[in-house]
Amino acid sequence: MSGSDKSSYRLKARQIRSGLTRSEKKKINETLNRQVLDWVNVHQPSDIALYWPSDTEVDIRPVITSLLTAKKRVYLPSKHSEDELGLAPFEALSELKETWGRVKGGSRACISKRVADEQVALWLVPGLAFDQNGTRLGQGKGIYDRLLADAKGHKIGLANVLLPDLPRDDWDVPMDTVFYI
């Protein structure tokens, strides 16, 4: 299946997301943040890759704050080029810089993909939608699929939209777990 075949799923996911009320978004965010922190408390990963949320993604800023307070090693995606992400470590919210509505890590050097693949124990992954089988529907550029292709750590998708039986291409990296309400 090509990316264009997924366009109807992307449209549906965007429609569902845009229809969520502020109250529904708040409930989703609070519940998923609690699920993530419970998972972290049980499994105790030391190196965690996550994302800085956009307006449409699950807002995990409370998780980020908790992880930093607990002195976990935290990494944010850092854009190397238009189509490639790396991981940049950060230790404080003050290190982050907002550019054009997106947050970037500070001046720290990115760790190599090989190191990230081996070292990161937990990946928190955004998506337009997920299904119950761990299939992630992204924006269609394959950026997270390339970033996660050889990742050994546990991959958790955070879903504010759950759709049944999303199509999965050979290059799509399934999540080990999907949190949703």
N, C-alpha and C. Protein backbone atom coordinates (compact mmCIF):
# COMPACT_ATOMS: atom_id res chain seq x y z
N MET A 1 0.85 -1.17 0.00
CA MET A 1 0.00 0.00 0.00
C MET A 1 0.89 1.23 0.00
N SER A 2 0.59 2.18 -0.81
CA SER A 2 1.39 3.41 -0.86
C SER A 2 0.84 4.44 0.10
N GLY A 3 1.65 5.46 0.36
CA GLY A 3 1.24 6.53 1.26
C GLY A 3 -0.05 7.19 0.82
N SER A 4 -0.27 7.29 -0.51
CA SER A 4 -1.49 7.94 -0.99
C SER A 4 -2.72 7.12 -0.66
N ASP A 5 -2.57 5.80 -0.54
CA ASP A 5 -3.69 4.95 -0.18
C ASP A 5 -4.14 5.20 1.27
N LYS A 6 -3.26 5.77 2.06
CA LYS A 6 -3.56 6.05 3.46
C LYS A 6 -4.20 7.42 3.65
N SER A 7 -4.34 8.18 2.56
CA SER A 7 -4.83 9.55 2.68
C SER A 7 -6.23 9.63 3.26
N SER A 8 -7.09 8.67 2.96
CA SER A 8 -8.45 8.71 3.51
C SER A 8 -8.43 8.47 5.03
N TYR A 9 -7.49 7.64 5.48
CA TYR A 9 -7.35 7.41 6.92
C TYR A 9 -6.82 8.68 7.61
N ARG A 10 -5.88 9.35 6.95
CA ARG A 10 -5.35 10.59 7.52
C ARG A 10 -6.45 11.65 7.63
N LEU A 11 -7.25 11.75 6.59
CA LEU A 11 -8.35 12.71 6.61
C LEU A 11 -9.32 12.41 7.74
N LYS A 12 -9.67 11.14 7.90
CA LYS A 12 -10.59 10.74 8.97
C LYS A 12 -9.99 11.06 10.34
N ALA A 13 -8.72 10.73 10.53
CA ALA A 13 -8.06 11.01 11.82
C ALA A 13 -8.05 12.50 12.11
N ARG A 14 -7.75 13.31 11.10
CA ARG A 14 -7.74 14.77 11.30
C ARG A 14 -9.12 15.29 11.64
N GLN A 15 -10.15 14.73 11.01
CA GLN A 15 -11.53 15.15 11.30
C GLN A 15 -11.91 14.80 12.75
N ILE A 16 -11.54 13.61 13.17
CA ILE A 16 -11.85 13.19 14.55
C ILE A 16 -11.12 14.10 15.54
N ARG A 17 -9.84 14.33 15.30
CA ARG A 17 -9.05 15.17 16.20
C ARG A 17 -9.61 16.58 16.28
N SER A 18 -9.98 17.15 15.13
CA SER A 18 -10.48 18.52 15.14
C SER A 18 -11.85 18.62 15.81
N GLY A 19 -12.56 17.49 15.90
CA GLY A 19 -13.86 17.48 16.54
C GLY A 19 -13.82 17.29 18.05
N LEU A 20 -12.64 17.02 18.61
CA LEU A 20 -12.52 16.83 20.05
C LEU A 20 -12.71 18.17 20.77
N THR A 21 -13.48 18.15 21.83
CA THR A 21 -13.66 19.36 22.63
C THR A 21 -12.44 19.57 23.52
N ARG A 22 -12.31 20.75 24.04
CA ARG A 22 -11.20 21.05 24.96
C ARG A 22 -11.23 20.09 26.15
N SER A 23 -12.43 19.82 26.66
CA SER A 23 -12.60 18.90 27.80
C SER A 23 -12.16 17.48 27.44
N GLU A 24 -12.53 17.03 26.25
CA GLU A 24 -12.12 15.69 25.81
C GLU A 24 -10.60 15.60 25.65
N LYS A 25 -10.00 16.64 25.07
CA LYS A 25 -8.54 16.66 24.91
C LYS A 25 -7.86 16.61 26.28
N LYS A 26 -8.38 17.38 27.21
CA LYS A 26 -7.80 17.41 28.56
C LYS A 26 -7.87 16.03 29.20
N LYS A 27 -9.00 15.36 29.08
CA LYS A 27 -9.17 14.02 29.66
C LYS A 27 -8.20 13.02 29.01
N ILE A 28 -8.09 13.09 27.69
CA ILE A 28 -7.17 12.20 26.96
C ILE A 28 -5.74 12.45 27.44
N ASN A 29 -5.33 13.71 27.47
CA ASN A 29 -3.97 14.04 27.88
C ASN A 29 -3.67 13.57 29.30
N GLU A 30 -4.57 13.84 30.23
CA GLU A 30 -4.35 13.44 31.63
C GLU A 30 -4.27 11.93 31.77
N THR A 31 -5.15 11.22 31.10
CA THR A 31 -5.18 9.76 31.20
C THR A 31 -3.92 9.14 30.60
N LEU A 32 -3.53 9.61 29.42
CA LEU A 32 -2.35 9.04 28.77
C LEU A 32 -1.07 9.40 29.50
N ASN A 33 -1.00 10.61 30.05
CA ASN A 33 0.17 10.96 30.86
C ASN A 33 0.28 10.04 32.06
N ARG A 34 -0.83 9.75 32.71
CA ARG A 34 -0.83 8.85 33.86
C ARG A 34 -0.40 7.44 33.44
N GLN A 35 -0.89 6.96 32.29
CA GLN A 35 -0.50 5.63 31.81
C GLN A 35 1.00 5.56 31.54
N VAL A 36 1.54 6.60 30.93
CA VAL A 36 2.99 6.62 30.64
C VAL A 36 3.78 6.60 31.94
N LEU A 37 3.43 7.47 32.88
CA LEU A 37 4.17 7.53 34.14
C LEU A 37 4.05 6.23 34.93
N ASP A 38 2.90 5.58 34.89
CA ASP A 38 2.75 4.27 35.53
C ASP A 38 3.69 3.26 34.88
N TRP A 39 3.76 3.25 33.54
CA TRP A 39 4.63 2.32 32.82
C TRP A 39 6.10 2.58 33.21
N VAL A 40 6.48 3.85 33.24
CA VAL A 40 7.85 4.21 33.59
C VAL A 40 8.16 3.78 35.03
N ASN A 41 7.22 3.96 35.95
CA ASN A 41 7.45 3.56 37.34
C ASN A 41 7.64 2.05 37.48
N VAL A 42 6.94 1.28 36.68
CA VAL A 42 7.05 -0.18 36.74
C VAL A 42 8.34 -0.65 36.07
N HIS A 43 8.64 -0.14 34.89
CA HIS A 43 9.74 -0.67 34.07
C HIS A 43 11.07 0.06 34.26
N GLN A 44 11.05 1.25 34.81
CA GLN A 44 12.25 2.02 35.15
C GLN A 44 13.26 2.18 34.01
N PRO A 45 12.82 2.62 32.83
CA PRO A 45 13.81 2.87 31.78
C PRO A 45 14.66 4.09 32.14
N SER A 46 15.93 4.06 31.80
CA SER A 46 16.79 5.20 32.14
C SER A 46 16.92 6.18 30.97
N ASP A 47 16.84 5.69 29.75
CA ASP A 47 16.97 6.53 28.55
C ASP A 47 15.65 6.52 27.80
N ILE A 48 15.07 7.71 27.61
CA ILE A 48 13.73 7.81 27.04
C ILE A 48 13.72 8.84 25.92
N ALA A 49 13.27 8.41 24.75
CA ALA A 49 13.09 9.33 23.62
C ALA A 49 11.61 9.68 23.56
N LEU A 50 11.34 10.95 23.43
CA LEU A 50 9.94 11.40 23.36
C LEU A 50 9.84 12.53 22.38
N TYR A 51 8.77 13.26 22.41
CA TYR A 51 8.54 14.34 21.45
C TYR A 51 7.97 15.54 22.18
N TRP A 52 8.17 16.72 21.60
CA TRP A 52 7.53 17.93 22.11
C TRP A 52 6.22 18.05 21.34
N PRO A 53 5.08 18.08 22.04
CA PRO A 53 3.79 17.97 21.35
C PRO A 53 3.40 19.20 20.53
N SER A 54 2.82 18.92 19.39
CA SER A 54 2.17 19.98 18.60
C SER A 54 0.75 20.13 19.14
N ASP A 55 0.01 21.05 18.58
CA ASP A 55 -1.36 21.29 19.03
C ASP A 55 -2.26 20.07 18.87
N THR A 56 -1.95 19.21 17.92
CA THR A 56 -2.83 18.07 17.63
C THR A 56 -2.38 16.76 18.27
N GLU A 57 -1.20 16.75 18.87
CA GLU A 57 -0.68 15.53 19.47
C GLU A 57 -1.00 15.47 20.95
N VAL A 58 -0.90 14.27 21.51
CA VAL A 58 -1.09 14.10 22.95
C VAL A 58 -0.05 14.97 23.66
N ASP A 59 -0.51 15.81 24.58
CA ASP A 59 0.36 16.74 25.29
C ASP A 59 1.07 16.02 26.43
N ILE A 60 2.34 15.69 26.22
CA ILE A 60 3.11 14.94 27.22
C ILE A 60 4.07 15.83 28.01
N ARG A 61 3.84 17.14 28.00
CA ARG A 61 4.73 18.02 28.76
C ARG A 61 4.78 17.66 30.25
N PRO A 62 3.67 17.23 30.89
CA PRO A 62 3.80 16.79 32.29
C PRO A 62 4.71 15.58 32.45
N VAL A 63 4.71 14.67 31.47
CA VAL A 63 5.61 13.52 31.50
C VAL A 63 7.05 13.99 31.39
N ILE A 64 7.30 14.91 30.48
CA ILE A 64 8.65 15.43 30.29
C ILE A 64 9.17 16.03 31.60
N THR A 65 8.34 16.85 32.23
CA THR A 65 8.73 17.48 33.49
C THR A 65 9.02 16.44 34.56
N SER A 66 8.17 15.42 34.67
CA SER A 66 8.38 14.36 35.66
C SER A 66 9.67 13.59 35.40
N LEU A 67 9.94 13.29 34.15
CA LEU A 67 11.15 12.54 33.80
C LEU A 67 12.40 13.35 34.10
N LEU A 68 12.36 14.63 33.79
CA LEU A 68 13.51 15.49 34.08
C LEU A 68 13.72 15.60 35.59
N THR A 69 12.65 15.73 36.35
CA THR A 69 12.74 15.80 37.80
C THR A 69 13.33 14.51 38.37
N ALA A 70 12.97 13.37 37.77
CA ALA A 70 13.47 12.07 38.21
C ALA A 70 14.88 11.78 37.69
N LYS A 71 15.47 12.74 36.99
CA LYS A 71 16.85 12.62 36.47
C LYS A 71 17.01 11.50 35.45
N LYS A 72 15.96 11.24 34.68
CA LYS A 72 16.06 10.29 33.57
C LYS A 72 16.82 10.97 32.43
N ARG A 73 17.47 10.17 31.59
CA ARG A 73 18.10 10.70 30.39
C ARG A 73 17.01 10.81 29.33
N VAL A 74 16.77 12.04 28.91
CA VAL A 74 15.66 12.34 28.01
C VAL A 74 16.19 12.89 26.70
N TYR A 75 15.58 12.45 25.60
CA TYR A 75 15.99 12.86 24.27
C TYR A 75 14.78 13.35 23.49
N LEU A 76 14.98 14.39 22.72
CA LEU A 76 13.95 14.89 21.81
C LEU A 76 14.44 14.72 20.38
N PRO A 77 13.51 14.45 19.47
CA PRO A 77 13.92 14.43 18.07
C PRO A 77 14.49 15.78 17.67
N SER A 78 15.51 15.74 16.87
CA SER A 78 16.14 16.95 16.36
C SER A 78 16.27 16.79 14.86
N LYS A 79 15.80 17.76 14.15
CA LYS A 79 15.79 17.67 12.69
C LYS A 79 17.20 17.85 12.13
N HIS A 80 17.66 16.82 11.41
CA HIS A 80 18.95 16.93 10.71
C HIS A 80 18.75 17.53 9.33
N SER A 81 17.63 17.19 8.72
CA SER A 81 17.27 17.72 7.41
C SER A 81 15.75 17.69 7.34
N GLU A 82 15.21 18.03 6.21
CA GLU A 82 13.74 18.06 6.07
C GLU A 82 13.11 16.69 6.32
N ASP A 83 13.84 15.61 6.02
CA ASP A 83 13.27 14.27 6.12
C ASP A 83 13.96 13.37 7.13
N GLU A 84 14.91 13.86 7.91
CA GLU A 84 15.64 13.01 8.84
C GLU A 84 15.62 13.58 10.25
N LEU A 85 15.35 12.71 11.21
CA LEU A 85 15.40 13.08 12.62
C LEU A 85 16.56 12.36 13.29
N GLY A 86 17.17 13.02 14.25
CA GLY A 86 18.13 12.41 15.14
C GLY A 86 17.60 12.62 16.55
N LEU A 87 18.39 12.31 17.55
CA LEU A 87 17.97 12.53 18.93
C LEU A 87 18.97 13.44 19.64
N ALA A 88 18.45 14.45 20.31
CA ALA A 88 19.30 15.36 21.08
C ALA A 88 18.95 15.22 22.56
N PRO A 89 19.94 14.99 23.42
CA PRO A 89 19.67 14.91 24.86
C PRO A 89 19.40 16.30 25.42
N PHE A 90 18.56 16.35 26.45
CA PHE A 90 18.39 17.60 27.17
C PHE A 90 18.06 17.31 28.61
N GLU A 91 18.39 18.27 29.47
CA GLU A 91 18.26 18.07 30.91
C GLU A 91 17.33 19.07 31.57
N ALA A 92 16.93 20.10 30.85
CA ALA A 92 16.07 21.12 31.45
C ALA A 92 15.22 21.77 30.37
N LEU A 93 14.02 22.15 30.74
CA LEU A 93 13.14 22.81 29.78
C LEU A 93 13.74 24.12 29.29
N SER A 94 14.59 24.73 30.10
CA SER A 94 15.22 25.99 29.70
C SER A 94 16.17 25.83 28.52
N GLU A 95 16.58 24.59 28.22
CA GLU A 95 17.47 24.33 27.08
C GLU A 95 16.74 24.39 25.75
N LEU A 96 15.42 24.30 25.80
CA LEU A 96 14.66 24.20 24.57
C LEU A 96 14.44 25.57 23.95
N LYS A 97 14.41 25.59 22.64
CA LYS A 97 14.17 26.82 21.90
C LYS A 97 12.96 26.61 21.00
N GLU A 98 12.05 27.58 21.01
CA GLU A 98 10.88 27.47 20.14
C GLU A 98 11.16 28.24 18.86
N THR A 99 10.95 27.57 17.74
CA THR A 99 11.16 28.16 16.43
C THR A 99 9.96 27.81 15.56
N TRP A 100 9.30 28.82 15.07
CA TRP A 100 8.15 28.61 14.19
C TRP A 100 7.13 27.66 14.81
N GLY A 101 6.88 27.79 16.10
CA GLY A 101 5.87 26.97 16.76
C GLY A 101 6.34 25.58 17.13
N ARG A 102 7.56 25.22 16.80
CA ARG A 102 8.10 23.91 17.15
C ARG A 102 9.26 24.11 18.11
N VAL A 103 9.49 23.13 18.94
CA VAL A 103 10.57 23.24 19.92
C VAL A 103 11.75 22.43 19.45
N LYS A 104 12.93 23.01 19.61
CA LYS A 104 14.17 22.32 19.26
C LYS A 104 15.04 22.24 20.50
N GLY A 105 15.87 21.21 20.55
CA GLY A 105 16.81 21.08 21.65
C GLY A 105 17.83 22.20 21.62
N GLY A 106 18.56 22.32 22.68
CA GLY A 106 19.57 23.35 22.77
C GLY A 106 20.76 23.05 21.87
N SER A 107 21.92 23.42 22.31
CA SER A 107 23.12 23.30 21.48
C SER A 107 23.80 21.94 21.62
N ARG A 108 23.22 21.03 22.37
CA ARG A 108 23.85 19.72 22.56
C ARG A 108 23.90 18.95 21.24
N ALA A 109 24.95 18.19 21.07
CA ALA A 109 25.10 17.38 19.87
C ALA A 109 24.14 16.20 19.92
N CYS A 110 23.65 15.82 18.76
CA CYS A 110 22.78 14.64 18.68
C CYS A 110 23.60 13.38 18.90
N ILE A 111 22.97 12.39 19.50
CA ILE A 111 23.62 11.08 19.58
C ILE A 111 23.41 10.39 18.24
N SER A 112 24.27 9.47 17.91
CA SER A 112 24.15 8.79 16.62
C SER A 112 22.94 7.86 16.63
N LYS A 113 22.44 7.58 15.46
CA LYS A 113 21.29 6.68 15.34
C LYS A 113 21.64 5.30 15.91
N ARG A 114 22.85 4.83 15.67
CA ARG A 114 23.27 3.53 16.18
C ARG A 114 23.23 3.50 17.71
N VAL A 115 23.73 4.56 18.34
CA VAL A 115 23.69 4.65 19.80
C VAL A 115 22.24 4.71 20.28
N ALA A 116 21.43 5.52 19.61
CA ALA A 116 20.02 5.64 19.99
C ALA A 116 19.31 4.29 19.88
N ASP A 117 19.57 3.57 18.79
CA ASP A 117 18.92 2.27 18.58
C ASP A 117 19.20 1.32 19.74
N GLU A 118 20.41 1.34 20.26
CA GLU A 118 20.82 0.44 21.34
C GLU A 118 20.50 0.99 22.73
N GLN A 119 20.65 2.29 22.93
CA GLN A 119 20.62 2.88 24.26
C GLN A 119 19.23 3.26 24.75
N VAL A 120 18.38 3.74 23.87
CA VAL A 120 17.07 4.22 24.30
C VAL A 120 16.18 3.03 24.65
N ALA A 121 15.71 3.01 25.90
CA ALA A 121 14.90 1.88 26.39
C ALA A 121 13.41 2.10 26.14
N LEU A 122 13.00 3.35 26.02
CA LEU A 122 11.58 3.67 25.81
C LEU A 122 11.46 4.79 24.79
N TRP A 123 10.58 4.55 23.81
CA TRP A 123 10.27 5.55 22.78
C TRP A 123 8.80 5.91 22.94
N LEU A 124 8.51 7.19 23.19
CA LEU A 124 7.13 7.68 23.19
C LEU A 124 6.90 8.33 21.84
N VAL A 125 5.91 7.82 21.11
CA VAL A 125 5.77 8.16 19.70
C VAL A 125 4.40 8.78 19.42
N PRO A 126 4.40 9.95 18.76
CA PRO A 126 3.13 10.55 18.36
C PRO A 126 2.65 9.95 17.04
N GLY A 127 1.43 10.21 16.69
CA GLY A 127 0.90 9.78 15.40
C GLY A 127 -0.44 10.44 15.16
N LEU A 128 -0.85 10.45 13.91
CA LEU A 128 -2.21 10.94 13.61
C LEU A 128 -3.25 10.01 14.21
N ALA A 129 -2.96 8.70 14.10
CA ALA A 129 -3.86 7.68 14.64
C ALA A 129 -3.06 6.39 14.81
N PHE A 130 -3.62 5.50 15.60
CA PHE A 130 -3.07 4.16 15.80
C PHE A 130 -4.23 3.19 15.72
N ASP A 131 -3.89 1.90 15.58
CA ASP A 131 -4.93 0.89 15.73
C ASP A 131 -4.56 -0.04 16.88
N GLN A 132 -5.44 -0.99 17.17
CA GLN A 132 -5.26 -1.89 18.31
C GLN A 132 -4.10 -2.86 18.10
N ASN A 133 -3.57 -2.96 16.88
CA ASN A 133 -2.45 -3.85 16.58
C ASN A 133 -1.10 -3.15 16.63
N GLY A 134 -1.09 -1.88 17.02
CA GLY A 134 0.16 -1.15 17.11
C GLY A 134 0.56 -0.42 15.83
N THR A 135 -0.29 -0.47 14.83
CA THR A 135 0.02 0.24 13.59
C THR A 135 -0.15 1.73 13.81
N ARG A 136 0.84 2.48 13.37
CA ARG A 136 0.86 3.93 13.51
C ARG A 136 0.61 4.58 12.16
N LEU A 137 -0.26 5.56 12.17
CA LEU A 137 -0.49 6.37 10.97
C LEU A 137 0.13 7.73 11.23
N GLY A 138 1.19 8.04 10.49
CA GLY A 138 1.88 9.32 10.66
C GLY A 138 1.45 10.31 9.61
N GLN A 139 2.30 11.29 9.39
CA GLN A 139 2.00 12.36 8.43
C GLN A 139 2.24 11.92 6.98
N GLY A 140 2.91 10.80 6.79
CA GLY A 140 3.11 10.30 5.44
C GLY A 140 4.50 10.51 4.87
N LYS A 141 5.43 11.00 5.68
CA LYS A 141 6.78 11.23 5.18
C LYS A 141 7.75 10.11 5.60
N GLY A 142 7.34 9.23 6.50
CA GLY A 142 8.18 8.11 6.93
C GLY A 142 9.30 8.50 7.87
N ILE A 143 9.26 9.72 8.42
CA ILE A 143 10.35 10.20 9.26
C ILE A 143 10.49 9.33 10.51
N TYR A 144 9.40 9.08 11.22
CA TYR A 144 9.48 8.25 12.43
C TYR A 144 9.77 6.80 12.08
N ASP A 145 9.29 6.32 10.93
CA ASP A 145 9.61 4.95 10.53
C ASP A 145 11.12 4.78 10.35
N ARG A 146 11.77 5.76 9.76
CA ARG A 146 13.23 5.68 9.60
C ARG A 146 13.94 5.81 10.95
N LEU A 147 13.45 6.71 11.80
CA LEU A 147 14.06 6.89 13.12
C LEU A 147 13.94 5.62 13.96
N LEU A 148 12.81 4.92 13.87
CA LEU A 148 12.54 3.75 14.71
C LEU A 148 12.93 2.42 14.06
N ALA A 149 13.40 2.45 12.84
CA ALA A 149 13.61 1.22 12.06
C ALA A 149 14.41 0.14 12.80
N ASP A 150 15.46 0.51 13.50
CA ASP A 150 16.30 -0.47 14.18
C ASP A 150 16.30 -0.30 15.69
N ALA A 151 15.35 0.47 16.20
CA ALA A 151 15.29 0.75 17.64
C ALA A 151 14.96 -0.52 18.42
N LYS A 152 15.75 -0.78 19.46
CA LYS A 152 15.55 -1.97 20.28
C LYS A 152 14.59 -1.72 21.46
N GLY A 153 14.45 -0.46 21.86
CA GLY A 153 13.63 -0.13 23.03
C GLY A 153 12.14 -0.34 22.79
N HIS A 154 11.39 -0.29 23.88
CA HIS A 154 9.94 -0.45 23.84
C HIS A 154 9.31 0.79 23.23
N LYS A 155 8.46 0.61 22.24
CA LYS A 155 7.82 1.71 21.54
C LYS A 155 6.36 1.83 21.97
N ILE A 156 6.01 3.00 22.52
CA ILE A 156 4.63 3.25 22.95
C ILE A 156 4.05 4.37 22.10
N GLY A 157 2.95 4.06 21.43
CA GLY A 157 2.22 5.06 20.67
C GLY A 157 1.18 5.70 21.56
N LEU A 158 1.08 7.02 21.49
CA LEU A 158 0.11 7.74 22.30
C LEU A 158 -0.99 8.25 21.39
N ALA A 159 -2.17 7.67 21.55
CA ALA A 159 -3.26 7.88 20.59
C ALA A 159 -4.38 8.72 21.16
N ASN A 160 -4.64 9.85 20.48
CA ASN A 160 -5.89 10.52 20.77
C ASN A 160 -6.92 10.16 19.71
N VAL A 161 -6.50 9.37 18.72
CA VAL A 161 -7.43 8.78 17.75
C VAL A 161 -7.05 7.32 17.56
N LEU A 162 -8.00 6.44 17.76
CA LEU A 162 -7.82 5.01 17.53
C LEU A 162 -8.77 4.60 16.42
N LEU A 163 -8.20 4.06 15.32
CA LEU A 163 -9.00 3.61 14.19
C LEU A 163 -8.82 2.10 14.05
N PRO A 164 -9.83 1.41 13.58
CA PRO A 164 -9.69 -0.05 13.42
C PRO A 164 -8.86 -0.41 12.19
N ASP A 165 -7.97 -1.37 12.36
CA ASP A 165 -7.25 -2.01 11.25
C ASP A 165 -6.68 -1.06 10.23
N LEU A 166 -5.73 -0.25 10.65
CA LEU A 166 -5.04 0.64 9.72
C LEU A 166 -4.18 -0.19 8.76
N PRO A 167 -4.01 0.28 7.54
CA PRO A 167 -3.10 -0.43 6.62
C PRO A 167 -1.67 -0.28 7.10
N ARG A 168 -0.87 -1.34 6.91
CA ARG A 168 0.53 -1.32 7.32
C ARG A 168 1.41 -1.74 6.16
N ASP A 169 2.35 -0.85 5.81
CA ASP A 169 3.33 -1.15 4.77
C ASP A 169 4.53 -1.85 5.39
N ASP A 170 5.37 -2.43 4.55
CA ASP A 170 6.55 -3.15 5.03
C ASP A 170 7.47 -2.26 5.86
N TRP A 171 7.55 -0.99 5.54
CA TRP A 171 8.45 -0.08 6.24
C TRP A 171 7.84 0.53 7.50
N ASP A 172 6.56 0.35 7.72
CA ASP A 172 5.90 0.89 8.91
C ASP A 172 6.39 0.14 10.15
N VAL A 173 6.81 0.88 11.14
CA VAL A 173 7.31 0.28 12.38
C VAL A 173 6.16 0.22 13.38
N PRO A 174 5.73 -0.99 13.75
CA PRO A 174 4.63 -1.10 14.70
C PRO A 174 5.07 -0.76 16.12
N MET A 175 4.13 -0.27 16.88
CA MET A 175 4.37 0.01 18.30
C MET A 175 4.25 -1.28 19.08
N ASP A 176 4.99 -1.39 20.19
CA ASP A 176 4.86 -2.54 21.08
C ASP A 176 3.59 -2.39 21.91
N THR A 177 3.24 -1.14 22.22
CA THR A 177 2.08 -0.82 23.05
C THR A 177 1.44 0.45 22.52
N VAL A 178 0.13 0.53 22.59
CA VAL A 178 -0.58 1.77 22.27
C VAL A 178 -1.42 2.14 23.48
N PHE A 179 -1.22 3.37 23.97
CA PHE A 179 -2.04 3.87 25.06
C PHE A 179 -3.14 4.75 24.45
N TYR A 180 -4.36 4.52 24.89
CA TYR A 180 -5.51 5.30 24.42
C TYR A 180 -6.61 5.17 25.46
N ILE A 181 -7.63 6.00 25.31
CA ILE A 181 -8.80 5.85 26.19
C ILE A 181 -10.04 5.72 25.32
